[in-house]
C-alpha atoms as a PDB file:
ATOM      1  CA  UNK A   1     -21.088  -7.369  23.396  1.00  0.00           C
ATOM      2  CA  UNK A   2     -22.059  -3.450  24.032  1.00  0.00           C
ATOM      3  CA  UNK A   3     -20.981  -1.001  21.597  1.00  0.00           C
ATOM      4  CA  UNK A   4     -18.149  -0.035  20.092  1.00  0.00           C
ATOM      5  CA  UNK A   5     -15.167   1.399  21.992  1.00  0.00           C
ATOM      6  CA  UNK A   6     -12.809   3.628  19.898  1.00  0.00           C
ATOM      7  CA  UNK A   7      -8.936   4.705  21.205  1.00  0.00           C
ATOM      8  CA  UNK A   8      -6.013   6.474  20.914  1.00  0.00           C
ATOM      9  CA  UNK A   9      -3.015   4.855  21.347  1.00  0.00           C
ATOM     10  CA  UNK A  10       0.092   6.723  22.498  1.00  0.00           C
ATOM     11  CA  UNK A  11       2.791   7.330  25.024  1.00  0.00           C
ATOM     12  CA  UNK A  12       1.741  10.627  26.282  1.00  0.00           C
ATOM     13  CA  UNK A  13      -1.236  13.189  27.024  1.00  0.00           C
ATOM     14  CA  UNK A  14      -1.835  16.628  25.534  1.00  0.00           C
ATOM     15  CA  UNK A  15      -3.705  18.546  23.244  1.00  0.00           C
ATOM     16  CA  UNK A  16      -3.701  16.757  20.308  1.00  0.00           C
ATOM     17  CA  UNK A  17      -4.904  13.494  22.476  1.00  0.00           C
ATOM     18  CA  UNK A  18      -7.676  15.644  24.039  1.00  0.00           C
ATOM     19  CA  UNK A  19      -8.799  17.036  20.900  1.00  0.00           C
ATOM     20  CA  UNK A  20      -9.008  13.764  18.889  1.00  0.00           C
ATOM     21  CA  UNK A  21     -10.797  11.874  22.477  1.00  0.00           C
ATOM     22  CA  UNK A  22     -13.341  14.610  21.924  1.00  0.00           C
ATOM     23  CA  UNK A  23     -13.509  14.089  18.158  1.00  0.00           C
ATOM     24  CA  UNK A  24     -14.051  10.027  18.766  1.00  0.00           C
ATOM     25  CA  UNK A  25     -16.537  11.419  21.079  1.00  0.00           C
ATOM     26  CA  UNK A  26     -18.933  12.965  19.101  1.00  0.00           C
ATOM     27  CA  UNK A  27     -18.889   9.604  16.680  1.00  0.00           C
ATOM     28  CA  UNK A  28     -18.978   7.329  19.633  1.00  0.00           C
ATOM     29  CA  UNK A  29     -20.581   8.543  21.992  1.00  0.00           C
ATOM     30  CA  UNK A  30     -20.008   9.135  25.798  1.00  0.00           C
ATOM     31  CA  UNK A  31     -18.198   6.363  27.624  1.00  0.00           C
ATOM     32  CA  UNK A  32     -17.022   4.599  24.222  1.00  0.00           C
ATOM     33  CA  UNK A  33     -13.664   6.669  23.943  1.00  0.00           C
ATOM     34  CA  UNK A  34     -10.304   5.504  26.034  1.00  0.00           C
ATOM     35  CA  UNK A  35      -6.732   5.756  25.666  1.00  0.00           C
ATOM     36  CA  UNK A  36      -4.348   2.871  25.539  1.00  0.00           C
ATOM     37  CA  UNK A  37      -0.965   4.543  27.529  1.00  0.00           C
ATOM     38  CA  UNK A  38       2.478   3.374  26.906  1.00  0.00           C
ATOM     39  CA  UNK A  39       3.462   4.269  30.617  1.00  0.00           C
ATOM     40  CA  UNK A  40       6.710   3.054  30.705  1.00  0.00           C
ATOM     41  CA  UNK A  41       8.326   6.065  31.063  1.00  0.00           C
ATOM     42  CA  UNK A  42       6.220   6.601  34.122  1.00  0.00           C
ATOM     43  CA  UNK A  43       2.506   7.640  35.113  1.00  0.00           C
ATOM     44  CA  UNK A  44       0.556   9.647  32.424  1.00  0.00           C
ATOM     45  CA  UNK A  45      -2.868  12.076  33.497  1.00  0.00           C
ATOM     46  CA  UNK A  46      -5.155  11.530  30.578  1.00  0.00           C
ATOM     47  CA  UNK A  47      -7.689  14.283  32.590  1.00  0.00           C
ATOM     48  CA  UNK A  48     -11.479  12.531  32.509  1.00  0.00           C
ATOM     49  CA  UNK A  49     -10.447  10.057  29.207  1.00  0.00           C
ATOM     50  CA  UNK A  50     -10.267   6.622  31.008  1.00  0.00           C
ATOM     51  CA  UNK A  51      -7.395   4.466  30.017  1.00  0.00           C
ATOM     52  CA  UNK A  52      -5.871   1.595  30.134  1.00  0.00           C
ATOM     53  CA  UNK A  53      -2.482   1.371  30.813  1.00  0.00           C
ATOM     54  CA  UNK A  54       0.091  -0.740  28.981  1.00  0.00           C
ATOM     55  CA  UNK A  55       3.966  -1.634  31.133  1.00  0.00           C
ATOM     56  CA  UNK A  56       6.792  -3.631  30.131  1.00  0.00           C
ATOM     57  CA  UNK A  57       5.461  -6.000  33.222  1.00  0.00           C
ATOM     58  CA  UNK A  58       2.108  -5.906  31.597  1.00  0.00           C
ATOM     59  CA  UNK A  59       2.947  -6.759  27.905  1.00  0.00           C
ATOM     60  CA  UNK A  60       5.622  -9.255  29.443  1.00  0.00           C
ATOM     61  CA  UNK A  61       2.343 -11.108  31.422  1.00  0.00           C
ATOM     62  CA  UNK A  62       0.286 -10.689  27.959  1.00  0.00           C
ATOM     63  CA  UNK A  63       2.616 -12.605  25.683  1.00  0.00           C
ATOM     64  CA  UNK A  64       4.454 -15.146  28.393  1.00  0.00           C
ATOM     65  CA  UNK A  65       8.112 -13.399  28.517  1.00  0.00           C
ATOM     66  CA  UNK A  66      10.418 -10.923  27.577  1.00  0.00           C
ATOM     67  CA  UNK A  67       9.970  -8.073  25.547  1.00  0.00           C
ATOM     68  CA  UNK A  68      11.860  -6.174  23.140  1.00  0.00           C
ATOM     69  CA  UNK A  69      13.400  -3.080  23.911  1.00  0.00           C
ATOM     70  CA  UNK A  70      11.116  -1.234  21.306  1.00  0.00           C
ATOM     71  CA  UNK A  71       7.632  -3.246  22.351  1.00  0.00           C
ATOM     72  CA  UNK A  72       5.823  -0.114  22.701  1.00  0.00           C
ATOM     73  CA  UNK A  73       5.857   1.055  19.504  1.00  0.00           C
ATOM     74  CA  UNK A  74       7.021  -2.750  17.624  1.00  0.00           C
ATOM     75  CA  UNK A  75       3.656  -4.286  19.620  1.00  0.00           C
ATOM     76  CA  UNK A  76       0.547  -2.330  19.212  1.00  0.00           C
ATOM     77  CA  UNK A  77      -1.444  -5.166  18.820  1.00  0.00           C
ATOM     78  CA  UNK A  78      -0.851  -5.281  22.553  1.00  0.00           C
ATOM     79  CA  UNK A  79      -3.226  -2.385  22.871  1.00  0.00           C
ATOM     80  CA  UNK A  80      -6.380  -4.126  21.792  1.00  0.00           C
ATOM     81  CA  UNK A  81      -5.375  -7.333  23.765  1.00  0.00           C
ATOM     82  CA  UNK A  82      -5.566  -4.293  27.107  1.00  0.00           C
ATOM     83  CA  UNK A  83      -8.482  -2.532  26.087  1.00  0.00           C
ATOM     84  CA  UNK A  84     -10.158  -5.753  25.920  1.00  0.00           C
ATOM     85  CA  UNK A  85      -9.038  -6.810  29.822  1.00  0.00           C
ATOM     86  CA  UNK A  86     -10.120  -3.325  31.031  1.00  0.00           C
ATOM     87  CA  UNK A  87     -13.165  -2.701  29.246  1.00  0.00           C
ATOM     88  CA  UNK A  88     -14.748  -5.708  28.667  1.00  0.00           C
ATOM     89  CA  UNK A  89     -16.010  -7.172  25.906  1.00  0.00           C
ATOM     90  CA  UNK A  90     -17.559  -4.738  22.584  1.00  0.00           C
ATOM     91  CA  UNK A  91     -19.119  -5.491  19.053  1.00  0.00           C
ATOM     92  CA  UNK A  92     -15.820  -3.376  17.692  1.00  0.00           C
ATOM     93  CA  UNK A  93     -12.376  -2.058  18.924  1.00  0.00           C
ATOM     94  CA  UNK A  94     -10.802   1.174  16.931  1.00  0.00           C
ATOM     95  CA  UNK A  95      -7.013   1.919  17.581  1.00  0.00           C
ATOM     96  CA  UNK A  96      -6.766   4.847  15.832  1.00  0.00           C
ATOM     97  CA  UNK A  97      -2.984   6.309  17.307  1.00  0.00           C
ATOM     98  CA  UNK A  98      -2.697   9.479  18.086  1.00  0.00           C
ATOM     99  CA  UNK A  99      -0.873  10.757  15.030  1.00  0.00           C
ATOM    100  CA  UNK A 100      -3.634  10.534  12.389  1.00  0.00           C
ATOM    101  CA  UNK A 101      -5.935  13.597  11.501  1.00  0.00           C
ATOM    102  CA  UNK A 102      -9.559  13.636  11.046  1.00  0.00           C
ATOM    103  CA  UNK A 103     -11.182  16.048   9.571  1.00  0.00           C
ATOM    104  CA  UNK A 104     -12.869  18.181  12.404  1.00  0.00           C
ATOM    105  CA  UNK A 105     -16.716  18.444  12.065  1.00  0.00           C
ATOM    106  CA  UNK A 106     -16.654  14.877   9.940  1.00  0.00           C
ATOM    107  CA  UNK A 107     -16.254  12.203  12.328  1.00  0.00           C
ATOM    108  CA  UNK A 108     -19.764  11.065  12.340  1.00  0.00           C
ATOM    109  CA  UNK A 109     -20.134  10.653   8.762  1.00  0.00           C
ATOM    110  CA  UNK A 110     -16.258   9.377   8.302  1.00  0.00           C
ATOM    111  CA  UNK A 111     -17.566   6.171  11.260  1.00  0.00           C
ATOM    112  CA  UNK A 112     -20.709   6.364   9.576  1.00  0.00           C
ATOM    113  CA  UNK A 113     -19.937   5.086   6.588  1.00  0.00           C
ATOM    114  CA  UNK A 114     -16.834   3.090   8.187  1.00  0.00           C
ATOM    115  CA  UNK A 115     -19.486   0.991  10.339  1.00  0.00           C
ATOM    116  CA  UNK A 116     -21.706  -0.214   6.878  1.00  0.00           C
ATOM    117  CA  UNK A 117     -18.883  -1.932   6.206  1.00  0.00           C
ATOM    118  CA  UNK A 118     -18.427  -5.627   7.609  1.00  0.00           C
ATOM    119  CA  UNK A 119     -15.687  -6.796   8.513  1.00  0.00           C
ATOM    120  CA  UNK A 120     -13.726  -8.904  11.333  1.00  0.00           C
ATOM    121  CA  UNK A 121     -10.515  -6.884  10.532  1.00  0.00           C
ATOM    122  CA  UNK A 122     -10.160  -3.586   8.397  1.00  0.00           C
ATOM    123  CA  UNK A 123      -6.893  -1.850   8.342  1.00  0.00           C
ATOM    124  CA  UNK A 124      -4.919   0.181   4.942  1.00  0.00           C
ATOM    125  CA  UNK A 125      -2.994  -1.267   2.998  1.00  0.00           C
ATOM    126  CA  UNK A 126      -4.149  -4.869   3.975  1.00  0.00           C
ATOM    127  CA  UNK A 127      -2.410  -7.733   1.319  1.00  0.00           C
ATOM    128  CA  UNK A 128      -0.355  -9.778   0.877  1.00  0.00           C
ATOM    129  CA  UNK A 129       3.347  -7.726   0.999  1.00  0.00           C
ATOM    130  CA  UNK A 130       7.463  -8.600   0.961  1.00  0.00           C
ATOM    131  CA  UNK A 131       8.408 -10.346   4.372  1.00  0.00           C
ATOM    132  CA  UNK A 132      10.440  -8.124   5.839  1.00  0.00           C
ATOM    133  CA  UNK A 133      12.812  -9.027   8.689  1.00  0.00           C
ATOM    134  CA  UNK A 134      10.494  -7.040  11.308  1.00  0.00           C
ATOM    135  CA  UNK A 135       7.668  -9.488  10.239  1.00  0.00           C
ATOM    136  CA  UNK A 136       8.883 -12.803   9.331  1.00  0.00           C
ATOM    137  CA  UNK A 137       8.633 -14.051  12.860  1.00  0.00           C
ATOM    138  CA  UNK A 138       4.588 -14.247  12.714  1.00  0.00           C
ATOM    139  CA  UNK A 139       5.638 -17.634  10.632  1.00  0.00           C
ATOM    140  CA  UNK A 140       7.168 -19.545  13.102  1.00  0.00           C
ATOM    141  CA  UNK A 141       3.493 -20.116  14.670  1.00  0.00           C
ATOM    142  CA  UNK A 142       1.271 -19.345  10.693  1.00  0.00           C
ATOM    143  CA  UNK A 143       3.612 -20.829   8.590  1.00  0.00           C
ATOM    144  CA  UNK A 144       3.628 -19.341   5.092  1.00  0.00           C
ATOM    145  CA  UNK A 145       2.651 -15.658   6.296  1.00  0.00           C
ATOM    146  CA  UNK A 146       2.943 -12.999   3.895  1.00  0.00           C
ATOM    147  CA  UNK A 147       0.665 -10.555   4.609  1.00  0.00           C
ATOM    148  CA  UNK A 148       0.844  -7.267   6.007  1.00  0.00           C
ATOM    149  CA  UNK A 149      -1.155  -3.675   6.629  1.00  0.00           C
ATOM    150  CA  UNK A 150      -0.969   0.607   8.159  1.00  0.00           C
ATOM    151  CA  UNK A 151      -1.484  -0.369  11.701  1.00  0.00           C
ATOM    152  CA  UNK A 152      -2.400   3.149  12.471  1.00  0.00           C
ATOM    153  CA  UNK A 153      -6.267   3.311  11.941  1.00  0.00           C
ATOM    154  CA  UNK A 154      -7.857  -0.117  12.353  1.00  0.00           C
ATOM    155  CA  UNK A 155     -10.767  -2.312  13.474  1.00  0.00           C
ATOM    156  CA  UNK A 156     -11.234  -5.238  15.114  1.00  0.00           C
ATOM    157  CA  UNK A 157     -14.082  -8.057  16.125  1.00  0.00           C
ATOM    158  CA  UNK A 158     -13.945  -7.941  19.785  1.00  0.00           C
ATOM    159  CA  UNK A 159     -14.944 -11.383  19.824  1.00  0.00           C
ATOM    160  CA  UNK A 160     -11.063 -12.054  17.776  1.00  0.00           C
ATOM    161  CA  UNK A 161      -8.687 -10.397  20.700  1.00  0.00           C
ATOM    162  CA  UNK A 162      -8.644 -13.890  22.601  1.00  0.00           C
ATOM    163  CA  UNK A 163      -6.881 -15.082  19.275  1.00  0.00           C
ATOM    164  CA  UNK A 164      -4.658 -12.226  18.964  1.00  0.00           C
ATOM    165  CA  UNK A 165      -3.218 -12.841  23.207  1.00  0.00           C
ATOM    166  CA  UNK A 166      -2.403 -16.219  21.725  1.00  0.00           C
ATOM    167  CA  UNK A 167      -0.902 -15.907  19.214  1.00  0.00           C
ATOM    168  CA  UNK A 168       1.726 -13.949  20.296  1.00  0.00           C
ATOM    169  CA  UNK A 169       2.092 -16.413  23.139  1.00  0.00           C
ATOM    170  CA  UNK A 170       2.713 -18.905  20.623  1.00  0.00           C
ATOM    171  CA  UNK A 171       5.265 -16.448  18.593  1.00  0.00           C
ATOM    172  CA  UNK A 172       6.854 -15.833  22.641  1.00  0.00           C
ATOM    173  CA  UNK A 173       6.724 -19.623  22.934  1.00  0.00           C
ATOM    174  CA  UNK A 174       8.920 -20.428  19.370  1.00  0.00           C
ATOM    175  CA  UNK A 175      11.039 -17.671  20.843  1.00  0.00           C
ATOM    176  CA  UNK A 176      11.900 -19.591  23.335  1.00  0.00           C
ATOM    177  CA  UNK A 177      12.497 -22.595  21.863  1.00  0.00           C
ATOM    178  CA  UNK A 178      15.038 -21.044  19.684  1.00  0.00           C
ATOM    179  CA  UNK A 179      13.730 -20.011  16.250  1.00  0.00           C
ATOM    180  CA  UNK A 180      15.870 -16.671  15.657  1.00  0.00           C
ATOM    181  CA  UNK A 181      13.473 -14.187  14.933  1.00  0.00           C
ATOM    182  CA  UNK A 182      13.242 -10.556  15.707  1.00  0.00           C
ATOM    183  CA  UNK A 183       9.290  -9.681  17.350  1.00  0.00           C
ATOM    184  CA  UNK A 184       6.829  -9.810  15.152  1.00  0.00           C
ATOM    185  CA  UNK A 185       5.781  -5.726  14.531  1.00  0.00           C
ATOM    186  CA  UNK A 186       1.683  -5.214  15.078  1.00  0.00           C
ATOM    187  CA  UNK A 187       0.580  -5.021  10.958  1.00  0.00           C
ATOM    188  CA  UNK A 188       2.191  -8.837  10.864  1.00  0.00           C
ATOM    189  CA  UNK A 189       0.454  -9.851  13.679  1.00  0.00           C
ATOM    190  CA  UNK A 190      -3.273  -8.906  13.038  1.00  0.00           C
ATOM    191  CA  UNK A 191      -3.040  -9.124   9.072  1.00  0.00           C
ATOM    192  CA  UNK A 192      -2.047 -12.891   8.811  1.00  0.00           C
ATOM    193  CA  UNK A 193      -3.752 -13.994  12.161  1.00  0.00           C
ATOM    194  CA  UNK A 194      -7.049 -12.638  10.085  1.00  0.00           C
ATOM    195  CA  UNK A 195      -5.526 -14.672   6.646  1.00  0.00           C
ATOM    196  CA  UNK A 196      -4.939 -18.053   8.753  1.00  0.00           C
ATOM    197  CA  UNK A 197      -8.797 -17.614  10.583  1.00  0.00           C
ATOM    198  CA  UNK A 198     -10.286 -17.109   7.489  1.00  0.00           C
ATOM    199  CA  UNK A 199     -11.680 -13.432   9.081  1.00  0.00           C
ATOM    200  CA  UNK A 200     -13.464 -11.135   6.519  1.00  0.00           C
ATOM    201  CA  UNK A 201     -10.309  -8.985   5.796  1.00  0.00           C
ATOM    202  CA  UNK A 202     -11.539  -5.034   4.479  1.00  0.00           C
ATOM    203  CA  UNK A 203      -8.465  -3.033   2.622  1.00  0.00           C
ATOM    204  CA  UNK A 204      -9.867   0.609   3.457  1.00  0.00           C
ATOM    205  CA  UNK A 205      -7.579   1.507   0.728  1.00  0.00           C
ATOM    206  CA  UNK A 206     -10.183  -0.163  -2.014  1.00  0.00           C
ATOM    207  CA  UNK A 207     -12.984   0.070   0.174  1.00  0.00           C
ATOM    208  CA  UNK A 208     -13.187   3.581   0.751  1.00  0.00           C
ATOM    209  CA  UNK A 209     -10.517   5.358  -1.475  1.00  0.00           C
ATOM    210  CA  UNK A 210     -11.770   9.284  -1.256  1.00  0.00           C
ATOM    211  CA  UNK A 211     -11.550   8.764   2.574  1.00  0.00           C
ATOM    212  CA  UNK A 212      -8.096   6.500   3.258  1.00  0.00           C
ATOM    213  CA  UNK A 213      -5.678   6.830   0.162  1.00  0.00           C
ATOM    214  CA  UNK A 214      -1.708   5.562  -0.362  1.00  0.00           C
ATOM    215  CA  UNK A 215      -1.341   9.269  -1.351  1.00  0.00           C
ATOM    216  CA  UNK A 216      -2.251  10.847   2.238  1.00  0.00           C
ATOM    217  CA  UNK A 217      -2.625   7.799   4.300  1.00  0.00           C
ATOM    218  CA  UNK A 218       0.376   5.905   4.462  1.00  0.00           C
ATOM    219  CA  UNK A 219       3.521   5.637   6.543  1.00  0.00           C
ATOM    220  CA  UNK A 220       5.602   8.850   5.318  1.00  0.00           C
ATOM    221  CA  UNK A 221       5.954  11.043   4.412  1.00  0.00           C
ATOM    222  CA  UNK A 222       4.250  13.112   7.081  1.00  0.00           C
ATOM    223  CA  UNK A 223       2.046  16.105   6.740  1.00  0.00           C
ATOM    224  CA  UNK A 224       1.640  19.213   9.388  1.00  0.00           C
ATOM    225  CA  UNK A 225      -1.874  19.224  11.491  1.00  0.00           C
ATOM    226  CA  UNK A 226      -2.288  23.008  10.713  1.00  0.00           C
ATOM    227  CA  UNK A 227      -2.349  22.465   7.255  1.00  0.00           C
ATOM    228  CA  UNK A 228      -4.727  19.878   7.299  1.00  0.00           C
ATOM    229  CA  UNK A 229      -7.669  21.513  10.019  1.00  0.00           C
ATOM    230  CA  UNK A 230      -8.591  24.188   7.546  1.00  0.00           C
ATOM    231  CA  UNK A 231      -9.762  21.021   5.316  1.00  0.00           C
ATOM    232  CA  UNK A 232     -13.553  20.765   6.945  1.00  0.00           C
ATOM    233  CA  UNK A 233     -15.155  19.797   3.638  1.00  0.00           C
ATOM    234  CA  UNK A 234     -12.928  16.463   3.180  1.00  0.00           C
ATOM    235  CA  UNK A 235     -13.576  13.596   4.402  1.00  0.00           C
ATOM    236  CA  UNK A 236      -9.885  12.814   4.123  1.00  0.00           C
ATOM    237  CA  UNK A 237      -8.256  10.352   7.168  1.00  0.00           C
ATOM    238  CA  UNK A 238      -4.680  11.055   7.099  1.00  0.00           C
ATOM    239  CA  UNK A 239      -1.571   9.578   8.443  1.00  0.00           C
ATOM    240  CA  UNK A 240       1.043  10.055   9.958  1.00  0.00           C
ATOM    241  CA  UNK A 241       0.144  13.905  10.678  1.00  0.00           C
ATOM    242  CA  UNK A 242       2.444  15.920  13.316  1.00  0.00           C
ATOM    243  CA  UNK A 243       2.376  19.462  15.176  1.00  0.00           C
ATOM    244  CA  UNK A 244       5.613  21.783  14.304  1.00  0.00           C
ATOM    245  CA  UNK A 245       6.858  20.991  18.077  1.00  0.00           C
ATOM    246  CA  UNK A 246       6.954  17.269  16.855  1.00  0.00           C
ATOM    247  CA  UNK A 247       9.417  17.739  13.990  1.00  0.00           C
ATOM    248  CA  UNK A 248      11.281  19.274  16.190  1.00  0.00           C
ATOM    249  CA  UNK A 249      11.752  17.505  18.811  1.00  0.00           C
ATOM    250  CA  UNK A 250      12.565  14.580  16.636  1.00  0.00           C
ATOM    251  CA  UNK A 251      15.290  16.407  14.856  1.00  0.00           C
ATOM    252  CA  UNK A 252      17.105  17.813  18.097  1.00  0.00           C
ATOM    253  CA  UNK A 253      16.421  15.273  20.219  1.00  0.00           C
ATOM    254  CA  UNK A 254      16.436  11.811  17.939  1.00  0.00           C
ATOM    255  CA  UNK A 255      14.346   8.697  19.775  1.00  0.00           C
ATOM    256  CA  UNK A 256      13.513  11.069  22.900  1.00  0.00           C
ATOM    257  CA  UNK A 257       9.297  10.061  21.802  1.00  0.00           C
ATOM    258  CA  UNK A 258      10.434   6.411  21.270  1.00  0.00           C
ATOM    259  CA  UNK A 259       9.623   6.649  17.597  1.00  0.00           C
ATOM    260  CA  UNK A 260      12.444   5.109  16.026  1.00  0.00           C
ATOM    261  CA  UNK A 261      12.803   6.697  12.510  1.00  0.00           C
ATOM    262  CA  UNK A 262      15.393   9.886  11.716  1.00  0.00           C
ATOM    263  CA  UNK A 263      13.957  12.400   9.445  1.00  0.00           C
ATOM    264  CA  UNK A 264      15.545  12.425   5.810  1.00  0.00           C
ATOM    265  CA  UNK A 265      14.834  16.084   4.228  1.00  0.00           C
ATOM    266  CA  UNK A 266      13.537  13.646   1.131  1.00  0.00           C
ATOM    267  CA  UNK A 267      11.103  12.635   3.487  1.00  0.00           C
ATOM    268  CA  UNK A 268       9.680  16.499   4.881  1.00  0.00           C
ATOM    269  CA  UNK A 269       8.468  18.161   2.052  1.00  0.00           C
ATOM    270  CA  UNK A 270       4.774  18.389   3.007  1.00  0.00           C
ATOM    271  CA  UNK A 271       6.111  19.358   6.274  1.00  0.00           C
ATOM    272  CA  UNK A 272       8.637  21.993   4.663  1.00  0.00           C
ATOM    273  CA  UNK A 273       5.829  23.082   2.182  1.00  0.00           C
ATOM    274  CA  UNK A 274       3.650  24.296   5.020  1.00  0.00           C
ATOM    275  CA  UNK A 275       6.264  25.672   7.590  1.00  0.00           C
ATOM    276  CA  UNK A 276       6.972  29.431   7.918  1.00  0.00           C
ATOM    277  CA  UNK A 277      10.096  30.509   6.981  1.00  0.00           C
ATOM    278  CA  UNK A 278      11.303  30.441  10.438  1.00  0.00           C
ATOM    279  CA  UNK A 279       9.962  27.255  11.477  1.00  0.00           C
ATOM    280  CA  UNK A 280      12.014  25.862   7.745  1.00  0.00           C
ATOM    281  CA  UNK A 281      15.716  27.514   8.917  1.00  0.00           C
ATOM    282  CA  UNK A 282      14.996  25.102  12.394  1.00  0.00           C
ATOM    283  CA  UNK A 283      14.096  22.382  10.287  1.00  0.00           C
ATOM    284  CA  UNK A 284      17.130  22.466   7.999  1.00  0.00           C
ATOM    285  CA  UNK A 285      20.147  23.214  10.798  1.00  0.00           C
ATOM    286  CA  UNK A 286      19.499  19.534  11.393  1.00  0.00           C
ATOM    287  CA  UNK A 287      18.949  18.691   7.520  1.00  0.00           C
ATOM    288  CA  UNK A 288      22.092  19.155   5.962  1.00  0.00           C
ATOM    289  CA  UNK A 289      23.655  17.151   3.138  1.00  0.00           C
ATOM    290  CA  UNK A 290      25.969  15.373   5.214  1.00  0.00           C
ATOM    291  CA  UNK A 291      23.803  15.032   8.168  1.00  0.00           C
ATOM    292  CA  UNK A 292      21.174  13.684   5.581  1.00  0.00           C
ATOM    293  CA  UNK A 293      23.309  11.512   4.136  1.00  0.00           C
ATOM    294  CA  UNK A 294      24.033   9.368   7.359  1.00  0.00           C
ATOM    295  CA  UNK A 295      20.604   8.981   8.419  1.00  0.00           C
END
């Protein structure tokens, strides 16, 4: 297999994605960076960066049946399949979501350290966890499945991509046969497939705690990107990280970005602390106590 490929999972392309792609190119080299774009809303121009396009039709072809309305958010593992189909076999495939922050100037040092780790699959919080309804459907094909991870940055050995496709098709077939479960989310699919197939699994929280930690790399709470950009002497990789305008969009037009979660004031502490008084006032208009209680 050829060199690793790093790809950004997104449904849009703008300054954030372009900057992240340049950062990844610093670490992975020319020709080894791409985007995997959910183009359900229409074609996305990714500039000079090559892309793999995902649409509902392609997703349904991959899994052999229908997919839920929120497939673009729920089924990120299909990005690994699309990248392998469009860019050929690679030693490793690195999935990085656009709301991941990599300290500027630290790209090569960070990925040099991660490349020294031997693993078939690695991600943060890769461990047994309480099985939620969104994950339980994995058990239709992998009985006893009870693992999870954080999917925002993960690395999968390229040779295992066919197994991901097979598992998704097996789950879809079980649902067609009458299994009353939700379509499982990406983190459950990859984590439990790794356990079932005896892959070498690495939890980044444990392997490199100075770089990845639940204090700054988790599913909540979000941080403001500009507040992290000054930390050029740090190798902390952070998630979720948002631009100011993303915060406004998600508050003023909920779900407009395909993001299913509404923000509560309790989740925005880091964001509010880094905002100007004017920005904070604009946010607080959407976080009145009565509104917050209903979210």
